[in-house]
Amino acid sequence: MNYVQIAGFLGADPETRFTSSGQKVTTLRVACNSRRSGKEETMWWRVTIWGEQFDRLMTYLKKGSAVMV
């Protein structure tokens, strides 16, 4: 099993949608800055959350919020 930790800032407000079967899906766009060879680069990650696991947190997550996934 691979384990990845992503720490960065939200590039947009979380987007919530529902599948045709009624399953809730929330998508987060996370920007992480890294420095390579003296150049700063921004890597974008798309994080998908299935179900109602983080509903209480969603009220606090807005564009620019710091997150660790």
Protein backbone atom coordinates (compact mmCIF):
# COMPACT_ATOMS: atom_id res chain seq x y z
CA MET A 1 0.00 0.00 0.00
CA ASN A 2 1.27 3.46 -0.89
CA TYR A 3 0.81 6.30 1.57
CA VAL A 4 0.86 9.95 0.45
CA GLN A 5 0.46 13.11 2.50
CA ILE A 6 -0.51 16.26 0.65
CA ALA A 7 -0.20 19.63 2.40
CA GLY A 8 -1.19 22.79 0.60
CA PHE A 9 -3.94 25.29 -0.03
CA LEU A 10 -7.32 24.92 -1.71
CA GLY A 11 -7.35 26.44 -5.18
CA ALA A 12 -11.16 26.59 -5.28
CA ASP A 13 -14.13 25.97 -3.02
CA PRO A 14 -14.97 22.26 -2.60
CA GLU A 15 -17.34 20.95 -5.27
CA THR A 16 -20.06 18.52 -4.19
CA ARG A 17 -22.10 16.42 -6.60
CA PHE A 18 -24.11 13.21 -6.56
CA THR A 19 -23.76 10.12 -8.74
CA SER A 20 -26.76 8.66 -10.56
CA SER A 21 -27.17 6.16 -7.71
CA GLY A 22 -27.29 8.97 -5.13
CA GLN A 23 -23.74 8.61 -3.73
CA LYS A 24 -22.24 11.92 -2.57
CA VAL A 25 -18.86 12.91 -4.09
CA THR A 26 -16.82 15.94 -3.02
CA THR A 27 -13.77 17.14 -4.99
CA LEU A 28 -10.97 19.32 -3.62
CA ARG A 29 -8.27 21.02 -5.72
CA VAL A 30 -5.09 21.35 -3.64
CA ALA A 31 -2.01 23.37 -4.66
CA CYS A 32 1.40 22.40 -3.25
CA ASN A 33 4.51 24.51 -3.80
CA SER A 34 7.92 22.86 -4.16
CA ARG A 35 11.37 24.15 -4.98
CA ARG A 36 13.58 22.31 -7.47
CA SER A 37 16.92 23.59 -8.74
CA GLY A 38 16.17 27.03 -7.29
CA LYS A 39 12.85 27.26 -9.18
CA GLU A 40 9.52 27.27 -7.41
CA GLU A 41 6.87 25.01 -8.93
CA THR A 42 3.21 24.52 -8.08
CA MET A 43 1.76 21.02 -8.27
CA TRP A 44 -2.01 20.60 -8.36
CA TRP A 45 -3.74 17.59 -6.81
CA ARG A 46 -7.36 16.57 -7.21
CA VAL A 47 -8.67 14.86 -4.07
CA THR A 48 -11.98 12.98 -4.22
CA ILE A 49 -13.96 12.26 -1.05
CA TRP A 50 -16.74 9.69 -1.29
CA GLY A 51 -19.69 9.68 1.09
CA GLU A 52 -20.49 11.92 4.02
CA GLN A 53 -17.23 11.48 5.93
CA PHE A 54 -16.17 15.13 5.99
CA ASP A 55 -19.50 16.98 5.95
CA ARG A 56 -18.74 18.82 9.19
CA LEU A 57 -15.44 20.12 7.81
CA MET A 58 -16.88 21.35 4.53
CA THR A 59 -18.40 24.44 6.18
CA TYR A 60 -14.86 25.59 7.10
CA LEU A 61 -13.13 24.79 3.79
CA LYS A 62 -13.04 27.68 1.33
CA LYS A 63 -10.67 28.77 -1.43
CA GLY A 64 -7.27 29.51 0.13
CA SER A 65 -7.78 27.31 3.21
CA ALA A 66 -4.74 25.34 4.34
CA VAL A 67 -5.37 21.58 4.22
CA MET A 68 -3.46 18.35 4.81
CA VAL A 69 -4.81 15.21 3.21
